[in-house]
């Protein structure tokens, strides 16, 4: 949201397909975390207030978020979803994708050959060190 923080430039879409989405909503307000400073990734999160309420359906659900104090053990599996490219630099798929990844401890992720110290205590690191399925592919 850094370069496009004006709500009128954004539309929220809902459902399992990008085109056509099940539902669209205009954005009323964008609240970027007060500690976020571009181009860093720490605190890279924002809340959006929609112009109108969303009715939940069989294809539109609430997201379940953990308590801020919740910790996650490493070497467990987590399910991720999104419209990330299925190949490196490939196009976004039209259908929502789901994958299972393993949580990796921050010490491992911060090794020089992995993320070289970029993972902060407020981040989760997940995927496979040997490559393959991750939140981007």
N, C-alpha and C. Protein backbone atom coordinates (compact mmCIF):
# COMPACT_ATOMS: atom_id res chain seq x y z
N UNK A 1 0.81 -1.21 0.00
CA UNK A 1 0.00 0.00 0.00
C UNK A 1 0.84 1.27 0.00
N UNK A 2 2.16 1.13 0.09
CA UNK A 2 3.02 2.30 0.23
C UNK A 2 2.84 3.30 -0.91
N UNK A 3 2.94 2.84 -2.13
CA UNK A 3 2.89 3.78 -3.25
C UNK A 3 1.47 4.11 -3.69
N UNK A 4 0.50 3.36 -3.22
CA UNK A 4 -0.89 3.61 -3.60
C UNK A 4 -1.77 3.59 -2.37
N UNK A 5 -1.59 4.57 -1.49
CA UNK A 5 -2.32 4.57 -0.22
C UNK A 5 -3.67 5.27 -0.30
N UNK A 6 -4.06 5.72 -1.47
CA UNK A 6 -5.36 6.38 -1.62
C UNK A 6 -6.44 5.32 -1.81
N UNK A 7 -7.42 5.26 -0.91
CA UNK A 7 -8.45 4.20 -0.96
C UNK A 7 -9.19 4.12 -2.29
N UNK A 8 -9.44 5.24 -2.94
CA UNK A 8 -10.20 5.23 -4.19
C UNK A 8 -9.47 4.53 -5.33
N UNK A 9 -8.18 4.25 -5.16
CA UNK A 9 -7.41 3.54 -6.19
C UNK A 9 -7.48 2.02 -6.02
N UNK A 10 -8.17 1.56 -4.98
CA UNK A 10 -8.20 0.12 -4.66
C UNK A 10 -9.63 -0.41 -4.70
N UNK A 11 -9.74 -1.70 -5.01
CA UNK A 11 -10.99 -2.44 -4.93
C UNK A 11 -10.69 -3.76 -4.25
N UNK A 12 -11.51 -4.16 -3.30
CA UNK A 12 -11.37 -5.47 -2.66
C UNK A 12 -12.27 -6.45 -3.40
N UNK A 13 -11.72 -7.61 -3.74
CA UNK A 13 -12.52 -8.64 -4.39
C UNK A 13 -12.59 -9.86 -3.48
N UNK A 14 -13.69 -10.59 -3.58
CA UNK A 14 -13.94 -11.73 -2.71
C UNK A 14 -14.37 -12.93 -3.53
N UNK A 15 -14.01 -14.11 -3.06
CA UNK A 15 -14.38 -15.35 -3.72
C UNK A 15 -13.16 -16.14 -4.13
N UNK A 16 -13.38 -17.25 -4.79
CA UNK A 16 -12.30 -18.16 -5.16
C UNK A 16 -11.72 -17.88 -6.55
N UNK A 17 -12.34 -16.97 -7.30
CA UNK A 17 -11.85 -16.64 -8.64
C UNK A 17 -11.47 -15.16 -8.71
N UNK A 18 -10.39 -14.87 -9.43
CA UNK A 18 -10.03 -13.47 -9.66
C UNK A 18 -10.99 -12.82 -10.65
N UNK A 19 -11.31 -13.55 -11.73
CA UNK A 19 -12.20 -13.03 -12.77
C UNK A 19 -13.21 -14.10 -13.15
N UNK A 20 -14.46 -13.87 -12.98
CA UNK A 20 -15.02 -12.74 -12.25
C UNK A 20 -15.03 -13.04 -10.76
N UNK A 21 -14.79 -12.05 -9.91
CA UNK A 21 -14.89 -12.30 -8.47
C UNK A 21 -16.35 -12.46 -8.07
N UNK A 22 -16.59 -13.13 -6.95
CA UNK A 22 -17.96 -13.29 -6.45
C UNK A 22 -18.54 -11.95 -6.01
N UNK A 23 -17.67 -11.07 -5.51
CA UNK A 23 -18.13 -9.81 -4.94
C UNK A 23 -16.99 -8.79 -5.00
N UNK A 24 -17.34 -7.52 -5.19
CA UNK A 24 -16.37 -6.42 -5.16
C UNK A 24 -16.85 -5.38 -4.16
N UNK A 25 -15.89 -4.74 -3.50
CA UNK A 25 -16.21 -3.64 -2.60
C UNK A 25 -15.18 -2.53 -2.77
N UNK A 26 -15.66 -1.29 -2.72
CA UNK A 26 -14.75 -0.14 -2.70
C UNK A 26 -14.11 -0.07 -1.33
N UNK A 27 -12.95 0.57 -1.27
CA UNK A 27 -12.24 0.74 -0.01
C UNK A 27 -12.53 2.14 0.53
N UNK A 28 -12.93 2.20 1.79
CA UNK A 28 -13.23 3.48 2.43
C UNK A 28 -11.98 4.08 3.07
N UNK A 29 -11.20 3.24 3.77
CA UNK A 29 -10.01 3.70 4.49
C UNK A 29 -8.93 2.64 4.45
N UNK A 30 -7.67 3.06 4.37
CA UNK A 30 -6.52 2.16 4.50
C UNK A 30 -5.72 2.63 5.71
N UNK A 31 -5.47 1.70 6.63
CA UNK A 31 -4.68 2.01 7.83
C UNK A 31 -3.42 1.16 7.79
N UNK A 32 -2.30 1.80 7.45
CA UNK A 32 -1.01 1.11 7.39
C UNK A 32 -0.42 1.11 8.80
N UNK A 33 0.21 -0.01 9.18
CA UNK A 33 0.81 -0.11 10.52
C UNK A 33 1.74 1.07 10.76
N UNK A 34 1.61 1.69 11.93
CA UNK A 34 2.38 2.90 12.25
C UNK A 34 3.90 2.68 12.27
N UNK A 35 4.34 1.43 12.45
CA UNK A 35 5.78 1.16 12.49
C UNK A 35 6.33 0.68 11.14
N UNK A 36 5.49 0.65 10.13
CA UNK A 36 5.96 0.22 8.81
C UNK A 36 6.72 1.36 8.13
N UNK A 37 7.90 1.03 7.60
CA UNK A 37 8.71 2.00 6.87
C UNK A 37 9.24 1.34 5.60
N UNK A 38 8.69 1.75 4.46
CA UNK A 38 9.13 1.25 3.17
C UNK A 38 10.60 1.59 2.98
N UNK A 39 11.43 0.71 2.43
CA UNK A 39 11.14 -0.55 1.76
C UNK A 39 11.29 -1.78 2.64
N UNK A 40 11.41 -1.60 3.95
CA UNK A 40 11.54 -2.75 4.85
C UNK A 40 10.26 -3.58 4.83
N UNK A 41 10.35 -4.84 5.27
CA UNK A 41 9.18 -5.72 5.31
C UNK A 41 8.62 -5.89 6.71
N UNK A 42 9.33 -5.41 7.72
CA UNK A 42 8.84 -5.52 9.09
C UNK A 42 7.60 -4.64 9.25
N UNK A 43 6.59 -5.14 9.91
CA UNK A 43 5.31 -4.45 10.12
C UNK A 43 4.60 -4.17 8.79
N UNK A 44 4.87 -4.96 7.78
CA UNK A 44 4.29 -4.77 6.45
C UNK A 44 2.86 -5.33 6.45
N UNK A 45 1.96 -4.57 7.04
CA UNK A 45 0.57 -5.00 7.15
C UNK A 45 -0.32 -3.76 7.20
N UNK A 46 -1.52 -3.90 6.69
CA UNK A 46 -2.48 -2.80 6.71
C UNK A 46 -3.88 -3.35 6.90
N UNK A 47 -4.74 -2.53 7.45
CA UNK A 47 -6.17 -2.85 7.55
C UNK A 47 -6.90 -2.00 6.52
N UNK A 48 -7.92 -2.59 5.92
CA UNK A 48 -8.76 -1.81 5.01
C UNK A 48 -10.18 -1.82 5.54
N UNK A 49 -10.80 -0.67 5.52
CA UNK A 49 -12.21 -0.57 5.87
C UNK A 49 -12.98 -0.51 4.57
N UNK A 50 -13.94 -1.41 4.44
CA UNK A 50 -14.72 -1.48 3.21
C UNK A 50 -15.84 -0.45 3.21
N UNK A 51 -16.28 -0.07 2.02
CA UNK A 51 -17.36 0.90 1.89
C UNK A 51 -18.71 0.32 2.30
N UNK A 52 -18.83 -1.00 2.20
CA UNK A 52 -20.08 -1.69 2.49
C UNK A 52 -19.77 -3.04 3.11
N UNK A 53 -20.67 -3.53 3.94
CA UNK A 53 -20.50 -4.83 4.58
C UNK A 53 -20.47 -5.96 3.56
N UNK A 54 -19.80 -7.06 3.91
CA UNK A 54 -19.71 -8.24 3.05
C UNK A 54 -20.57 -9.34 3.65
N UNK A 55 -21.43 -9.93 2.84
CA UNK A 55 -22.22 -11.08 3.27
C UNK A 55 -21.40 -12.34 3.02
N UNK A 56 -21.27 -13.19 4.04
CA UNK A 56 -20.51 -14.42 3.88
C UNK A 56 -21.36 -15.48 3.20
N UNK A 57 -20.70 -16.25 2.33
CA UNK A 57 -21.38 -17.29 1.54
C UNK A 57 -20.53 -18.56 1.58
N UNK A 58 -20.90 -19.52 0.74
CA UNK A 58 -20.11 -20.76 0.67
C UNK A 58 -18.73 -20.52 0.07
N UNK A 59 -18.55 -19.41 -0.66
CA UNK A 59 -17.23 -19.13 -1.24
C UNK A 59 -16.56 -17.88 -0.66
N UNK A 60 -17.22 -17.23 0.30
CA UNK A 60 -16.64 -16.05 0.97
C UNK A 60 -16.73 -16.29 2.47
N UNK A 61 -15.55 -16.41 3.11
CA UNK A 61 -15.48 -16.75 4.54
C UNK A 61 -14.67 -15.70 5.30
N UNK A 62 -14.89 -15.69 6.62
CA UNK A 62 -14.03 -14.89 7.50
C UNK A 62 -12.65 -15.52 7.55
N UNK A 63 -11.65 -14.72 7.82
CA UNK A 63 -10.31 -15.25 8.04
C UNK A 63 -10.11 -15.37 9.56
N UNK A 64 -9.49 -16.44 9.97
CA UNK A 64 -9.21 -16.65 11.39
C UNK A 64 -7.79 -16.20 11.68
N UNK A 65 -7.64 -15.21 12.53
CA UNK A 65 -6.32 -14.70 12.88
C UNK A 65 -5.96 -15.10 14.30
N UNK A 66 -4.69 -15.38 14.55
CA UNK A 66 -4.26 -15.75 15.91
C UNK A 66 -4.20 -14.53 16.83
N UNK A 67 -4.19 -14.79 18.12
CA UNK A 67 -3.96 -13.74 19.10
C UNK A 67 -2.53 -13.22 18.91
N UNK A 68 -2.27 -11.95 19.20
CA UNK A 68 -0.91 -11.42 19.04
C UNK A 68 0.15 -12.17 19.84
N UNK A 69 -0.23 -12.75 20.96
CA UNK A 69 0.74 -13.44 21.81
C UNK A 69 0.95 -14.90 21.41
N UNK A 70 0.17 -15.39 20.46
CA UNK A 70 0.28 -16.80 20.09
C UNK A 70 1.62 -17.08 19.41
N UNK A 71 2.23 -18.19 19.81
CA UNK A 71 3.48 -18.62 19.17
C UNK A 71 3.20 -19.91 18.42
N UNK A 72 4.03 -20.19 17.43
CA UNK A 72 3.85 -21.37 16.60
C UNK A 72 5.10 -22.22 16.66
N UNK A 73 4.96 -23.51 16.93
CA UNK A 73 6.14 -24.38 16.95
C UNK A 73 6.67 -24.57 15.53
N UNK A 74 7.96 -24.82 15.44
CA UNK A 74 8.57 -25.04 14.13
C UNK A 74 8.45 -26.50 13.73
N UNK A 75 8.63 -26.76 12.46
CA UNK A 75 8.52 -28.09 11.87
C UNK A 75 7.10 -28.62 11.86
N UNK A 76 6.10 -27.74 12.01
CA UNK A 76 4.72 -28.16 11.81
C UNK A 76 4.31 -27.64 10.43
N UNK A 77 3.22 -28.18 9.92
CA UNK A 77 2.75 -27.78 8.61
C UNK A 77 1.66 -26.71 8.74
N UNK A 78 1.64 -25.81 7.79
CA UNK A 78 0.63 -24.76 7.73
C UNK A 78 0.08 -24.70 6.32
N UNK A 79 -1.17 -24.30 6.20
CA UNK A 79 -1.81 -24.16 4.90
C UNK A 79 -1.79 -22.68 4.52
N UNK A 80 -1.35 -22.40 3.31
CA UNK A 80 -1.34 -21.04 2.77
C UNK A 80 -2.27 -20.99 1.56
N UNK A 81 -2.84 -19.83 1.33
CA UNK A 81 -3.70 -19.65 0.15
C UNK A 81 -3.35 -18.33 -0.52
N UNK A 82 -3.64 -18.24 -1.80
CA UNK A 82 -3.41 -17.00 -2.52
C UNK A 82 -3.43 -17.21 -4.02
N UNK A 83 -3.17 -16.12 -4.73
CA UNK A 83 -3.16 -16.15 -6.19
C UNK A 83 -1.75 -15.94 -6.72
N UNK A 84 -0.75 -16.38 -5.98
CA UNK A 84 0.64 -16.23 -6.42
C UNK A 84 0.92 -17.05 -7.67
N UNK A 85 1.93 -16.62 -8.40
CA UNK A 85 2.32 -17.30 -9.64
C UNK A 85 2.67 -18.76 -9.37
N UNK A 86 2.33 -19.63 -10.29
CA UNK A 86 2.61 -21.06 -10.15
C UNK A 86 4.01 -21.41 -10.65
N UNK A 87 4.62 -20.50 -11.40
CA UNK A 87 6.00 -20.67 -11.85
C UNK A 87 6.72 -19.34 -11.64
N UNK A 88 8.04 -19.39 -11.58
CA UNK A 88 8.83 -18.18 -11.36
C UNK A 88 8.54 -17.15 -12.45
N UNK A 89 8.12 -15.96 -12.05
CA UNK A 89 7.77 -14.86 -12.96
C UNK A 89 6.58 -15.19 -13.87
N UNK A 90 5.80 -16.20 -13.50
CA UNK A 90 4.64 -16.58 -14.30
C UNK A 90 3.43 -15.72 -13.97
N UNK A 91 2.35 -15.89 -14.72
CA UNK A 91 1.12 -15.12 -14.47
C UNK A 91 0.39 -15.63 -13.23
N UNK A 92 -0.46 -14.80 -12.68
CA UNK A 92 -1.29 -15.21 -11.55
C UNK A 92 -2.38 -16.16 -12.05
N UNK A 93 -2.67 -17.21 -11.31
CA UNK A 93 -3.76 -18.11 -11.71
C UNK A 93 -5.11 -17.44 -11.45
N UNK A 94 -6.14 -17.86 -12.16
CA UNK A 94 -7.46 -17.29 -11.94
C UNK A 94 -8.12 -17.85 -10.68
N UNK A 95 -7.82 -19.11 -10.35
CA UNK A 95 -8.44 -19.76 -9.19
C UNK A 95 -7.54 -19.65 -7.97
N UNK A 96 -8.13 -19.42 -6.81
CA UNK A 96 -7.41 -19.38 -5.55
C UNK A 96 -6.64 -20.68 -5.35
N UNK A 97 -5.37 -20.58 -5.00
CA UNK A 97 -4.51 -21.74 -4.81
C UNK A 97 -4.33 -22.03 -3.32
N UNK A 98 -4.04 -23.28 -3.00
CA UNK A 98 -3.78 -23.70 -1.63
C UNK A 98 -2.56 -24.60 -1.64
N UNK A 99 -1.70 -24.43 -0.64
CA UNK A 99 -0.51 -25.27 -0.53
C UNK A 99 -0.19 -25.50 0.94
N UNK A 100 0.54 -26.56 1.21
CA UNK A 100 0.99 -26.87 2.56
C UNK A 100 2.49 -26.62 2.64
N UNK A 101 2.90 -25.86 3.64
CA UNK A 101 4.31 -25.54 3.85
C UNK A 101 4.69 -25.86 5.29
N UNK A 102 5.98 -25.97 5.54
CA UNK A 102 6.48 -26.25 6.88
C UNK A 102 7.02 -24.97 7.50
N UNK A 103 6.69 -24.73 8.79
CA UNK A 103 7.23 -23.57 9.49
C UNK A 103 8.71 -23.83 9.80
N UNK A 104 9.54 -22.83 9.53
CA UNK A 104 10.99 -22.94 9.70
C UNK A 104 11.42 -21.95 10.77
N UNK A 105 12.33 -22.36 11.64
CA UNK A 105 12.76 -21.46 12.72
C UNK A 105 13.51 -20.25 12.15
N UNK A 106 13.40 -19.13 12.86
CA UNK A 106 14.00 -17.87 12.40
C UNK A 106 15.51 -17.95 12.26
N UNK A 107 16.16 -18.70 13.14
CA UNK A 107 17.62 -18.82 13.06
C UNK A 107 18.03 -19.42 11.71
N UNK A 108 17.32 -20.46 11.29
CA UNK A 108 17.60 -21.07 9.99
C UNK A 108 17.30 -20.09 8.86
N UNK A 109 16.14 -19.43 8.92
CA UNK A 109 15.76 -18.49 7.86
C UNK A 109 16.71 -17.30 7.76
N UNK A 110 17.31 -16.93 8.86
CA UNK A 110 18.21 -15.78 8.87
C UNK A 110 19.63 -16.10 8.44
N UNK A 111 19.91 -17.37 8.12
CA UNK A 111 21.24 -17.71 7.62
C UNK A 111 21.51 -16.94 6.33
N UNK A 112 22.77 -16.67 6.09
CA UNK A 112 23.18 -15.87 4.92
C UNK A 112 22.61 -16.42 3.61
N UNK A 113 22.62 -17.74 3.45
CA UNK A 113 22.17 -18.34 2.19
C UNK A 113 20.65 -18.45 2.09
N UNK A 114 19.94 -18.07 3.14
CA UNK A 114 18.47 -18.13 3.09
C UNK A 114 17.94 -16.69 2.98
N UNK A 115 17.64 -16.02 4.09
CA UNK A 115 17.16 -14.63 4.04
C UNK A 115 18.14 -13.63 4.64
N UNK A 116 19.31 -14.08 4.99
CA UNK A 116 20.43 -13.21 5.39
C UNK A 116 20.04 -12.16 6.43
N UNK A 117 19.34 -12.59 7.49
CA UNK A 117 19.03 -11.69 8.60
C UNK A 117 17.80 -10.84 8.44
N UNK A 118 17.03 -11.02 7.38
CA UNK A 118 15.86 -10.17 7.13
C UNK A 118 14.61 -10.58 7.90
N UNK A 119 14.60 -11.75 8.53
CA UNK A 119 13.41 -12.23 9.24
C UNK A 119 13.43 -11.70 10.67
N UNK A 120 12.40 -10.94 11.04
CA UNK A 120 12.32 -10.35 12.38
C UNK A 120 11.47 -11.24 13.28
N UNK A 121 11.45 -10.96 14.59
CA UNK A 121 10.62 -11.75 15.51
C UNK A 121 9.12 -11.65 15.22
N UNK A 122 8.70 -10.68 14.42
CA UNK A 122 7.28 -10.51 14.10
C UNK A 122 6.87 -11.24 12.83
N UNK A 123 7.78 -11.99 12.25
CA UNK A 123 7.51 -12.70 10.99
C UNK A 123 7.52 -14.20 11.19
N UNK A 124 6.77 -14.89 10.33
CA UNK A 124 6.84 -16.34 10.25
C UNK A 124 7.61 -16.70 8.99
N UNK A 125 8.43 -17.71 9.09
CA UNK A 125 9.16 -18.21 7.93
C UNK A 125 8.61 -19.60 7.62
N UNK A 126 8.22 -19.82 6.38
CA UNK A 126 7.63 -21.11 6.02
C UNK A 126 7.98 -21.45 4.58
N UNK A 127 8.04 -22.72 4.31
CA UNK A 127 8.35 -23.20 2.97
C UNK A 127 9.26 -24.41 3.08
N UNK A 128 10.10 -24.59 2.09
CA UNK A 128 11.04 -25.71 2.05
C UNK A 128 12.39 -25.18 1.62
N UNK A 129 13.41 -25.45 2.43
CA UNK A 129 14.75 -24.93 2.13
C UNK A 129 15.26 -25.42 0.78
N UNK A 130 14.82 -26.59 0.35
CA UNK A 130 15.26 -27.13 -0.94
C UNK A 130 14.49 -26.51 -2.11
N UNK A 131 13.53 -25.63 -1.81
CA UNK A 131 12.75 -24.96 -2.85
C UNK A 131 11.44 -25.67 -3.13
N UNK A 132 10.73 -25.18 -4.12
CA UNK A 132 9.45 -25.77 -4.49
C UNK A 132 8.29 -24.90 -4.04
N UNK A 133 7.34 -25.51 -3.38
CA UNK A 133 6.12 -24.81 -2.97
C UNK A 133 6.43 -23.79 -1.88
N UNK A 134 5.95 -22.55 -2.08
CA UNK A 134 6.05 -21.53 -1.05
C UNK A 134 4.91 -20.55 -1.25
N UNK A 135 4.94 -19.45 -0.51
CA UNK A 135 3.86 -18.48 -0.62
C UNK A 135 3.93 -17.71 -1.94
N UNK A 136 5.03 -17.85 -2.67
CA UNK A 136 5.17 -17.15 -3.96
C UNK A 136 4.90 -18.06 -5.14
N UNK A 137 5.09 -19.37 -4.98
CA UNK A 137 4.92 -20.30 -6.09
C UNK A 137 4.08 -21.47 -5.64
